[in-house]
Amino acid sequence: MGPQIEYIHENIKRSSFEDQFFKSDVLFEDHLLVWLISGETKIIQADHTYVFGAGDTLLFPRHLLATVLSYPKDGLPHQSVSMHVTAGRLKDYYQKNEAKGGAGTVSGLAFKTFDQHPLLKSCLASLVPYFELKEKLPETIASLKIEEAIHILRAIEPGIDQLLANFAEPGKIDLADFMERNYMFNMPMEKFGYLTGRSLTTFKRDFRKAFHTTPQKWLTQKRLELAHYQIREKNRKPSEVYLETGFENLSHFGFAFRKQFGYAPTERIRKAKV
């Protein structure tokens, strides 16, 4: 069962779930500001994994590609409050407020963490009582809260305008380099194409030129190789790595692993291939 999501406004929501974990491979169309109320969140981005807990505040930039694993903890559900900061709203904001410095780049983005900064924490925590409303939050109040969050981000993070005031779409980039860094994310091919500045047709054509195979075959091979390394060299359990390496189902992962390497991922001694 996925998380229960409550919207008090189209750009403000609260998520909660009590299952063992919830995984999502995400590509954010808007900047997303998140305050973790309880539980634990693991963020996997290329070669780095980060863990955050209750009280932490995170900003996910738009066009960010990441795997997010969320867990209940200490007997409490995983719960968070999130605010979408859309390009349209930011364009309106910067028409009234001058951006400091130039615009940054779209590619190579990473999320930002503000730990438990009191200004951001109080801003997002103040949204919690609004979820008791029987009606939607009035647009005027929602706009004030989102604008407050933007003001706070600019106050506590020098140079944030290079991110928030950047409205460019991804341009055409080196496909092979991008895929080698991001193959573990289980995204539709259209999304991979979008992030490399290509249509789906052009993406598939350029992919075959670069790798001499189809995207799906190559992705499966790379994900299995990464899982194999984590299990055999890092001594990790299959249940710990299958989600992080782009698989959605443990039994399907086990089947694919055995087919590729000739033995089950749970076996400690490698068997010779027949």
C-alpha atoms as a PDB file:
ATOM      1  CA  MET A   1       0.000   0.000   0.000  1.00  0.00           C
ATOM      2  CA  GLY A   2       1.332   3.417  -0.940  1.00  0.00           C
ATOM      3  CA  PRO A   3       1.311   6.518   1.207  1.00  0.00           C
ATOM      4  CA  GLN A   4      -1.852   8.353   2.161  1.00  0.00           C
ATOM      5  CA  ILE A   5      -1.652  11.833   0.682  1.00  0.00           C
ATOM      6  CA  GLU A   6      -3.743  14.793   1.832  1.00  0.00           C
ATOM      7  CA  TYR A   7      -3.827  18.010  -0.158  1.00  0.00           C
ATOM      8  CA  ILE A   8      -4.911  21.264   1.452  1.00  0.00           C
ATOM      9  CA  HIS A   9      -3.841  23.067  -1.719  1.00  0.00           C
ATOM     10  CA  GLU A  10      -2.636  21.817  -5.090  1.00  0.00           C
ATOM     11  CA  ASN A  11       0.930  22.700  -4.045  1.00  0.00           C
ATOM     12  CA  ILE A  12       0.827  21.705  -0.365  1.00  0.00           C
ATOM     13  CA  LYS A  13       0.409  18.133   0.852  1.00  0.00           C
ATOM     14  CA  ARG A  14       0.992  15.782   3.766  1.00  0.00           C
ATOM     15  CA  SER A  15       2.120  12.181   3.169  1.00  0.00           C
ATOM     16  CA  SER A  16       1.891   9.347   5.684  1.00  0.00           C
ATOM     17  CA  PHE A  17       2.266   5.562   5.659  1.00  0.00           C
ATOM     18  CA  GLU A  18       2.970   2.735   8.085  1.00  0.00           C
ATOM     19  CA  ASP A  19       4.160   0.007   5.682  1.00  0.00           C
ATOM     20  CA  GLN A  20       7.628  -1.512   5.855  1.00  0.00           C
ATOM     21  CA  PHE A  21       8.926   0.970   3.290  1.00  0.00           C
ATOM     22  CA  PHE A  22       7.915   2.987   0.251  1.00  0.00           C
ATOM     23  CA  LYS A  23      10.116   3.432  -2.816  1.00  0.00           C
ATOM     24  CA  SER A  24       9.852   5.964  -5.600  1.00  0.00           C
ATOM     25  CA  ASP A  25      12.172   6.762  -8.485  1.00  0.00           C
ATOM     26  CA  VAL A  26      11.483  10.415  -8.991  1.00  0.00           C
ATOM     27  CA  LEU A  27      11.936  13.142 -11.552  1.00  0.00           C
ATOM     28  CA  PHE A  28      10.666  16.363 -10.085  1.00  0.00           C
ATOM     29  CA  GLU A  29       8.885  18.768 -12.403  1.00  0.00           C
ATOM     30  CA  ASP A  30       8.790  21.423  -9.653  1.00  0.00           C
ATOM     31  CA  HIS A  31      11.113  22.286  -6.813  1.00  0.00           C
ATOM     32  CA  LEU A  32       9.885  20.355  -3.782  1.00  0.00           C
ATOM     33  CA  LEU A  33      10.460  21.538  -0.216  1.00  0.00           C
ATOM     34  CA  VAL A  34       9.977  18.728   2.332  1.00  0.00           C
ATOM     35  CA  TRP A  35       9.865  18.672   6.123  1.00  0.00           C
ATOM     36  CA  LEU A  36      10.161  15.189   7.657  1.00  0.00           C
ATOM     37  CA  ILE A  37       7.841  14.894  10.655  1.00  0.00           C
ATOM     38  CA  SER A  38       8.673  11.278  11.535  1.00  0.00           C
ATOM     39  CA  GLY A  39      10.285   8.202  10.038  1.00  0.00           C
ATOM     40  CA  GLU A  40      13.454   7.950   7.969  1.00  0.00           C
ATOM     41  CA  THR A  41      14.231   8.783   4.344  1.00  0.00           C
ATOM     42  CA  LYS A  42      17.090   7.375   2.287  1.00  0.00           C
ATOM     43  CA  ILE A  43      17.996   9.238  -0.908  1.00  0.00           C
ATOM     44  CA  ILE A  44      20.094   7.520  -3.576  1.00  0.00           C
ATOM     45  CA  GLN A  45      21.593   9.730  -6.255  1.00  0.00           C
ATOM     46  CA  ALA A  46      24.156   8.220  -8.619  1.00  0.00           C
ATOM     47  CA  ASP A  47      27.069   7.102  -6.407  1.00  0.00           C
ATOM     48  CA  HIS A  48      25.888   8.634  -3.139  1.00  0.00           C
ATOM     49  CA  THR A  49      23.353   7.580  -0.516  1.00  0.00           C
ATOM     50  CA  TYR A  50      22.052   9.933   2.169  1.00  0.00           C
ATOM     51  CA  VAL A  51      19.854   9.278   5.206  1.00  0.00           C
ATOM     52  CA  PHE A  52      17.590  11.827   6.915  1.00  0.00           C
ATOM     53  CA  GLY A  53      15.291  11.689   9.900  1.00  0.00           C
ATOM     54  CA  ALA A  54      12.548  13.484  11.778  1.00  0.00           C
ATOM     55  CA  GLY A  55      12.857  17.265  11.748  1.00  0.00           C
ATOM     56  CA  ASP A  56      15.124  17.482   8.694  1.00  0.00           C
ATOM     57  CA  THR A  57      14.212  19.816   5.857  1.00  0.00           C
ATOM     58  CA  LEU A  58      15.137  19.093   2.230  1.00  0.00           C
ATOM     59  CA  LEU A  59      14.846  20.913  -1.076  1.00  0.00           C
ATOM     60  CA  PHE A  60      14.598  18.726  -4.190  1.00  0.00           C
ATOM     61  CA  PRO A  61      15.344  20.753  -7.343  1.00  0.00           C
ATOM     62  CA  ARG A  62      13.223  20.280 -10.433  1.00  0.00           C
ATOM     63  CA  HIS A  63      14.742  17.919 -12.999  1.00  0.00           C
ATOM     64  CA  LEU A  64      16.348  15.961 -10.157  1.00  0.00           C
ATOM     65  CA  LEU A  65      16.667  12.221 -10.733  1.00  0.00           C
ATOM     66  CA  ALA A  66      16.822  10.180  -7.533  1.00  0.00           C
ATOM     67  CA  THR A  67      15.570   7.086  -5.758  1.00  0.00           C
ATOM     68  CA  VAL A  68      13.775   7.847  -2.501  1.00  0.00           C
ATOM     69  CA  LEU A  69      13.232   5.098   0.085  1.00  0.00           C
ATOM     70  CA  SER A  70      11.060   6.018   3.065  1.00  0.00           C
ATOM     71  CA  TYR A  71      10.652   3.978   6.243  1.00  0.00           C
ATOM     72  CA  PRO A  72       8.615   4.201   9.466  1.00  0.00           C
ATOM     73  CA  LYS A  73      10.831   4.383  12.537  1.00  0.00           C
ATOM     74  CA  ASP A  74      10.601   4.126  16.324  1.00  0.00           C
ATOM     75  CA  GLY A  75       7.002   2.914  16.124  1.00  0.00           C
ATOM     76  CA  LEU A  76       5.922   6.009  14.203  1.00  0.00           C
ATOM     77  CA  PRO A  77       4.703   6.194  10.609  1.00  0.00           C
ATOM     78  CA  HIS A  78       6.735   7.953   7.964  1.00  0.00           C
ATOM     79  CA  GLN A  79       5.144  11.366   7.707  1.00  0.00           C
ATOM     80  CA  SER A  80       6.110  14.536   5.875  1.00  0.00           C
ATOM     81  CA  VAL A  81       4.760  17.877   4.738  1.00  0.00           C
ATOM     82  CA  SER A  82       5.713  18.981   1.222  1.00  0.00           C
ATOM     83  CA  MET A  83       5.418  22.215  -0.698  1.00  0.00           C
ATOM     84  CA  HIS A  84       5.685  22.397  -4.486  1.00  0.00           C
ATOM     85  CA  VAL A  85       7.409  25.575  -5.632  1.00  0.00           C
ATOM     86  CA  THR A  86       6.392  25.778  -9.270  1.00  0.00           C
ATOM     87  CA  ALA A  87       8.159  27.547 -12.124  1.00  0.00           C
ATOM     88  CA  GLY A  88       5.082  29.687 -12.700  1.00  0.00           C
ATOM     89  CA  ARG A  89       5.015  30.890  -9.114  1.00  0.00           C
ATOM     90  CA  LEU A  90       8.752  31.580  -9.153  1.00  0.00           C
ATOM     91  CA  LYS A  91       8.472  33.581 -12.369  1.00  0.00           C
ATOM     92  CA  ASP A  92       5.846  35.761 -10.708  1.00  0.00           C
ATOM     93  CA  TYR A  93       8.049  36.101  -7.630  1.00  0.00           C
ATOM     94  CA  TYR A  94      11.132  37.189  -9.570  1.00  0.00           C
ATOM     95  CA  GLN A  95       9.159  39.750 -11.511  1.00  0.00           C
ATOM     96  CA  LYS A  96       8.766  41.516  -8.152  1.00  0.00           C
ATOM     97  CA  ASN A  97      12.094  40.536  -6.573  1.00  0.00           C
ATOM     98  CA  GLU A  98      15.455  40.845  -8.309  1.00  0.00           C
ATOM     99  CA  ALA A  99      17.505  37.656  -8.501  1.00  0.00           C
ATOM    100  CA  LYS A 100      21.032  37.842  -7.111  1.00  0.00           C
ATOM    101  CA  GLY A 101      23.733  36.476  -9.397  1.00  0.00           C
ATOM    102  CA  GLY A 102      23.346  34.548 -12.635  1.00  0.00           C
ATOM    103  CA  ALA A 103      21.354  31.417 -13.370  1.00  0.00           C
ATOM    104  CA  GLY A 104      22.915  28.049 -12.640  1.00  0.00           C
ATOM    105  CA  THR A 105      22.982  24.904 -14.743  1.00  0.00           C
ATOM    106  CA  VAL A 106      20.144  22.422 -15.099  1.00  0.00           C
ATOM    107  CA  SER A 107      22.240  19.235 -15.262  1.00  0.00           C
ATOM    108  CA  GLY A 108      24.117  17.731 -12.323  1.00  0.00           C
ATOM    109  CA  LEU A 109      21.640  18.887  -9.734  1.00  0.00           C
ATOM    110  CA  ALA A 110      21.651  17.599  -6.195  1.00  0.00           C
ATOM    111  CA  PHE A 111      19.122  18.030  -3.445  1.00  0.00           C
ATOM    112  CA  LYS A 112      19.877  20.505  -0.662  1.00  0.00           C
ATOM    113  CA  THR A 113      19.514  19.822   3.037  1.00  0.00           C
ATOM    114  CA  PHE A 114      18.890  22.409   5.726  1.00  0.00           C
ATOM    115  CA  ASP A 115      18.914  19.955   8.651  1.00  0.00           C
ATOM    116  CA  GLN A 116      16.562  21.428  11.255  1.00  0.00           C
ATOM    117  CA  HIS A 117      16.896  25.097  10.424  1.00  0.00           C
ATOM    118  CA  PRO A 118      14.394  26.915  12.678  1.00  0.00           C
ATOM    119  CA  LEU A 119      13.106  29.282   9.995  1.00  0.00           C
ATOM    120  CA  LEU A 120      12.237  26.581   7.474  1.00  0.00           C
ATOM    121  CA  LYS A 121      11.050  24.171  10.146  1.00  0.00           C
ATOM    122  CA  SER A 122       8.660  26.737  11.629  1.00  0.00           C
ATOM    123  CA  CYS A 123       7.390  27.707   8.167  1.00  0.00           C
ATOM    124  CA  LEU A 124       6.504  24.147   7.192  1.00  0.00           C
ATOM    125  CA  ALA A 125       5.365  23.081  10.675  1.00  0.00           C
ATOM    126  CA  SER A 126       2.887  25.950  10.630  1.00  0.00           C
ATOM    127  CA  LEU A 127       1.104  24.175   7.762  1.00  0.00           C
ATOM    128  CA  VAL A 128       0.193  21.145   9.877  1.00  0.00           C
ATOM    129  CA  PRO A 129      -2.873  22.663  11.625  1.00  0.00           C
ATOM    130  CA  TYR A 130      -4.325  23.570   8.220  1.00  0.00           C
ATOM    131  CA  PHE A 131      -4.822  19.878   7.466  1.00  0.00           C
ATOM    132  CA  GLU A 132      -7.650  19.910  10.014  1.00  0.00           C
ATOM    133  CA  LEU A 133      -9.637  22.150   7.681  1.00  0.00           C
ATOM    134  CA  LYS A 134     -12.715  20.643   6.090  1.00  0.00           C
ATOM    135  CA  GLU A 135     -12.200  22.828   3.057  1.00  0.00           C
ATOM    136  CA  LYS A 136      -9.176  23.690   0.922  1.00  0.00           C
ATOM    137  CA  LEU A 137      -6.712  26.301   2.106  1.00  0.00           C
ATOM    138  CA  PRO A 138      -7.595  29.681   0.526  1.00  0.00           C
ATOM    139  CA  GLU A 139      -5.292  30.588  -2.356  1.00  0.00           C
ATOM    140  CA  THR A 140      -4.281  33.869  -0.730  1.00  0.00           C
ATOM    141  CA  ILE A 141      -2.999  32.082   2.386  1.00  0.00           C
ATOM    142  CA  ALA A 142      -1.280  29.334   0.392  1.00  0.00           C
ATOM    143  CA  SER A 143       0.482  31.951  -1.738  1.00  0.00           C
ATOM    144  CA  LEU A 144       1.675  33.772   1.372  1.00  0.00           C
ATOM    145  CA  LYS A 145       3.092  30.558   2.863  1.00  0.00           C
ATOM    146  CA  ILE A 146       4.891  29.593  -0.354  1.00  0.00           C
ATOM    147  CA  GLU A 147       6.297  33.108  -0.753  1.00  0.00           C
ATOM    148  CA  GLU A 148       7.424  32.988   2.884  1.00  0.00           C
ATOM    149  CA  ALA A 149       9.313  29.767   2.132  1.00  0.00           C
ATOM    150  CA  ILE A 150      11.012  31.367  -0.891  1.00  0.00           C
ATOM    151  CA  HIS A 151      12.065  34.378   1.201  1.00  0.00           C
ATOM    152  CA  ILE A 152      13.503  32.046   3.859  1.00  0.00           C
ATOM    153  CA  LEU A 153      15.430  29.982   1.315  1.00  0.00           C
ATOM    154  CA  ARG A 154      16.982  33.137  -0.114  1.00  0.00           C
ATOM    155  CA  ALA A 155      17.861  34.355   3.380  1.00  0.00           C
ATOM    156  CA  ILE A 156      19.584  31.190   4.583  1.00  0.00           C
ATOM    157  CA  GLU A 157      21.135  29.860   1.374  1.00  0.00           C
ATOM    158  CA  PRO A 158      23.437  32.270  -0.507  1.00  0.00           C
ATOM    159  CA  GLY A 159      23.239  31.719  -4.233  1.00  0.00           C
ATOM    160  CA  ILE A 160      19.891  29.890  -4.151  1.00  0.00           C
ATOM    161  CA  ASP A 161      18.629  32.272  -6.854  1.00  0.00           C
ATOM    162  CA  GLN A 162      20.909  30.475  -9.320  1.00  0.00           C
ATOM    163  CA  LEU A 163      18.621  27.479  -8.831  1.00  0.00           C
ATOM    164  CA  LEU A 164      15.210  29.019  -8.217  1.00  0.00           C
ATOM    165  CA  ALA A 165      15.457  31.649 -10.971  1.00  0.00           C
ATOM    166  CA  ASN A 166      16.602  29.130 -13.580  1.00  0.00           C
ATOM    167  CA  PHE A 167      13.695  28.257 -15.886  1.00  0.00           C
ATOM    168  CA  ALA A 168      15.646  26.494 -18.645  1.00  0.00           C
ATOM    169  CA  GLU A 169      14.732  23.029 -19.863  1.00  0.00           C
ATOM    170  CA  PRO A 170      17.381  20.270 -20.164  1.00  0.00           C
ATOM    171  CA  GLY A 171      19.535  20.647 -23.267  1.00  0.00           C
ATOM    172  CA  LYS A 172      21.058  17.875 -25.347  1.00  0.00           C
ATOM    173  CA  ILE A 173      23.890  16.283 -23.380  1.00  0.00           C
ATOM    174  CA  ASP A 174      26.252  13.322 -23.753  1.00  0.00           C
ATOM    175  CA  LEU A 175      23.949  10.302 -23.587  1.00  0.00           C
ATOM    176  CA  ALA A 176      26.560   7.663 -22.722  1.00  0.00           C
ATOM    177  CA  ASP A 177      27.975   9.667 -19.815  1.00  0.00           C
ATOM    178  CA  PHE A 178      24.515  10.386 -18.425  1.00  0.00           C
ATOM    179  CA  MET A 179      23.377   6.765 -18.617  1.00  0.00           C
ATOM    180  CA  GLU A 180      26.578   5.440 -16.999  1.00  0.00           C
ATOM    181  CA  ARG A 181      25.873   7.716 -14.017  1.00  0.00           C
ATOM    182  CA  ASN A 182      22.127   7.139 -13.765  1.00  0.00           C
ATOM    183  CA  TYR A 183      21.301   3.599 -14.932  1.00  0.00           C
ATOM    184  CA  MET A 184      20.118   2.474 -11.490  1.00  0.00           C
ATOM    185  CA  PHE A 185      17.044   4.726 -11.630  1.00  0.00           C
ATOM    186  CA  ASN A 186      13.943   2.889 -12.791  1.00  0.00           C
ATOM    187  CA  MET A 187      12.451   5.563 -15.017  1.00  0.00           C
ATOM    188  CA  PRO A 188      10.405   5.402 -18.239  1.00  0.00           C
ATOM    189  CA  MET A 189      12.497   5.758 -21.385  1.00  0.00           C
ATOM    190  CA  GLU A 190      10.675   8.993 -22.145  1.00  0.00           C
ATOM    191  CA  LYS A 191      12.109  10.473 -18.946  1.00  0.00           C
ATOM    192  CA  PHE A 192      15.649   9.396 -19.789  1.00  0.00           C
ATOM    193  CA  GLY A 193      15.162  10.977 -23.188  1.00  0.00           C
ATOM    194  CA  TYR A 194      13.830  14.196 -21.663  1.00  0.00           C
ATOM    195  CA  LEU A 195      16.775  14.515 -19.268  1.00  0.00           C
ATOM    196  CA  THR A 196      19.269  14.052 -22.106  1.00  0.00           C
ATOM    197  CA  GLY A 197      17.458  16.585 -24.308  1.00  0.00           C
ATOM    198  CA  ARG A 198      15.984  14.069 -26.746  1.00  0.00           C
ATOM    199  CA  SER A 199      12.673  12.744 -27.966  1.00  0.00           C
ATOM    200  CA  LEU A 200      12.007   9.075 -27.263  1.00  0.00           C
ATOM    201  CA  THR A 201      12.778   8.122 -30.867  1.00  0.00           C
ATOM    202  CA  THR A 202      16.053  10.064 -30.913  1.00  0.00           C
ATOM    203  CA  PHE A 203      17.009   8.685 -27.507  1.00  0.00           C
ATOM    204  CA  LYS A 204      16.595   5.070 -28.658  1.00  0.00           C
ATOM    205  CA  ARG A 205      18.493   5.754 -31.880  1.00  0.00           C
ATOM    206  CA  ASP A 206      21.395   7.490 -30.112  1.00  0.00           C
ATOM    207  CA  PHE A 207      21.433   4.828 -27.397  1.00  0.00           C
ATOM    208  CA  ARG A 208      21.929   2.024 -29.917  1.00  0.00           C
ATOM    209  CA  LYS A 209      24.745   3.985 -31.552  1.00  0.00           C
ATOM    210  CA  ALA A 210      26.460   4.419 -28.178  1.00  0.00           C
ATOM    211  CA  PHE A 211      25.923   0.953 -26.666  1.00  0.00           C
ATOM    212  CA  HIS A 212      25.026  -1.316 -29.619  1.00  0.00           C
ATOM    213  CA  THR A 213      21.991  -2.764 -27.822  1.00  0.00           C
ATOM    214  CA  THR A 214      18.565  -1.741 -26.601  1.00  0.00           C
ATOM    215  CA  PRO A 215      18.141   0.475 -23.516  1.00  0.00           C
ATOM    216  CA  GLN A 216      16.230  -2.202 -21.575  1.00  0.00           C
ATOM    217  CA  LYS A 217      18.827  -4.944 -22.118  1.00  0.00           C
ATOM    218  CA  TRP A 218      21.671  -2.605 -21.219  1.00  0.00           C
ATOM    219  CA  LEU A 219      19.899  -1.276 -18.105  1.00  0.00           C
ATOM    220  CA  THR A 220      19.158  -4.778 -16.808  1.00  0.00           C
ATOM    221  CA  GLN A 221      22.782  -5.843 -17.355  1.00  0.00           C
ATOM    222  CA  LYS A 222      24.203  -2.772 -15.584  1.00  0.00           C
ATOM    223  CA  ARG A 223      21.811  -3.081 -12.643  1.00  0.00           C
ATOM    224  CA  LEU A 224      22.658  -6.758 -12.173  1.00  0.00           C
ATOM    225  CA  GLU A 225      26.376  -5.983 -12.278  1.00  0.00           C
ATOM    226  CA  LEU A 226      25.937  -3.310  -9.611  1.00  0.00           C
ATOM    227  CA  ALA A 227      23.859  -5.659  -7.450  1.00  0.00           C
ATOM    228  CA  HIS A 228      26.448  -8.406  -7.879  1.00  0.00           C
ATOM    229  CA  TYR A 229      29.201  -6.058  -6.710  1.00  0.00           C
ATOM    230  CA  GLN A 230      27.210  -4.925  -3.673  1.00  0.00           C
ATOM    231  CA  ILE A 231      26.416  -8.508  -2.641  1.00  0.00           C
ATOM    232  CA  ARG A 232      29.739 -10.205  -3.369  1.00  0.00           C
ATOM    233  CA  GLU A 233      32.204  -7.409  -2.592  1.00  0.00           C
ATOM    234  CA  LYS A 234      30.336  -5.312  -0.026  1.00  0.00           C
ATOM    235  CA  ASN A 235      28.728  -8.313   1.709  1.00  0.00           C
ATOM    236  CA  ARG A 236      25.243  -6.809   1.536  1.00  0.00           C
ATOM    237  CA  LYS A 237      22.009  -8.785   1.520  1.00  0.00           C
ATOM    238  CA  PRO A 238      19.885  -9.051  -1.651  1.00  0.00           C
ATOM    239  CA  SER A 239      16.974  -7.509   0.255  1.00  0.00           C
ATOM    240  CA  GLU A 240      19.155  -4.462   0.911  1.00  0.00           C
ATOM    241  CA  VAL A 241      20.292  -3.831  -2.643  1.00  0.00           C
ATOM    242  CA  TYR A 242      17.560  -4.804  -5.092  1.00  0.00           C
ATOM    243  CA  LEU A 243      15.606  -1.575  -4.660  1.00  0.00           C
ATOM    244  CA  GLU A 244      18.724   0.577  -4.805  1.00  0.00           C
ATOM    245  CA  THR A 245      19.819  -1.014  -8.073  1.00  0.00           C
ATOM    246  CA  GLY A 246      16.597  -0.389  -9.975  1.00  0.00           C
ATOM    247  CA  PHE A 247      14.554  -3.554  -9.347  1.00  0.00           C
ATOM    248  CA  GLU A 248      11.001  -3.349  -8.048  1.00  0.00           C
ATOM    249  CA  ASN A 249      10.456  -6.937  -6.921  1.00  0.00           C
ATOM    250  CA  LEU A 250      12.801  -9.173  -4.886  1.00  0.00           C
ATOM    251  CA  SER A 251      11.697 -12.429  -6.508  1.00  0.00           C
ATOM    252  CA  HIS A 252      12.106 -10.965 -10.014  1.00  0.00           C
ATOM    253  CA  PHE A 253      15.536  -9.703  -9.004  1.00  0.00           C
ATOM    254  CA  GLY A 254      16.505 -13.169  -7.748  1.00  0.00           C
ATOM    255  CA  PHE A 255      15.342 -14.784 -10.992  1.00  0.00           C
ATOM    256  CA  ALA A 256      17.255 -12.297 -13.167  1.00  0.00           C
ATOM    257  CA  PHE A 257      20.363 -12.600 -10.985  1.00  0.00           C
ATOM    258  CA  ARG A 258      20.399 -16.397 -11.214  1.00  0.00           C
ATOM    259  CA  LYS A 259      19.844 -16.265 -14.973  1.00  0.00           C
ATOM    260  CA  GLN A 260      22.745 -13.844 -15.399  1.00  0.00           C
ATOM    261  CA  PHE A 261      25.311 -15.304 -13.012  1.00  0.00           C
ATOM    262  CA  GLY A 262      24.263 -18.940 -12.689  1.00  0.00           C
ATOM    263  CA  TYR A 263      23.586 -18.897  -8.944  1.00  0.00           C
ATOM    264  CA  ALA A 264      21.136 -17.263  -6.541  1.00  0.00           C
ATOM    265  CA  PRO A 265      22.085 -13.951  -4.925  1.00  0.00           C
ATOM    266  CA  THR A 266      21.690 -15.564  -1.500  1.00  0.00           C
ATOM    267  CA  GLU A 267      24.466 -18.080  -2.129  1.00  0.00           C
ATOM    268  CA  ARG A 268      27.760 -17.214  -0.456  1.00  0.00           C
ATOM    269  CA  ILE A 269      30.012 -19.306  -2.713  1.00  0.00           C
ATOM    270  CA  ARG A 270      29.969 -18.601  -6.380  1.00  0.00           C
ATOM    271  CA  LYS A 271      29.094 -21.592  -8.493  1.00  0.00           C
ATOM    272  CA  ALA A 272      30.769 -22.116 -11.793  1.00  0.00           C
ATOM    273  CA  LYS A 273      28.552 -21.358 -14.756  1.00  0.00           C
ATOM    274  CA  VAL A 274      27.446 -24.348 -16.737  1.00  0.00           C
END
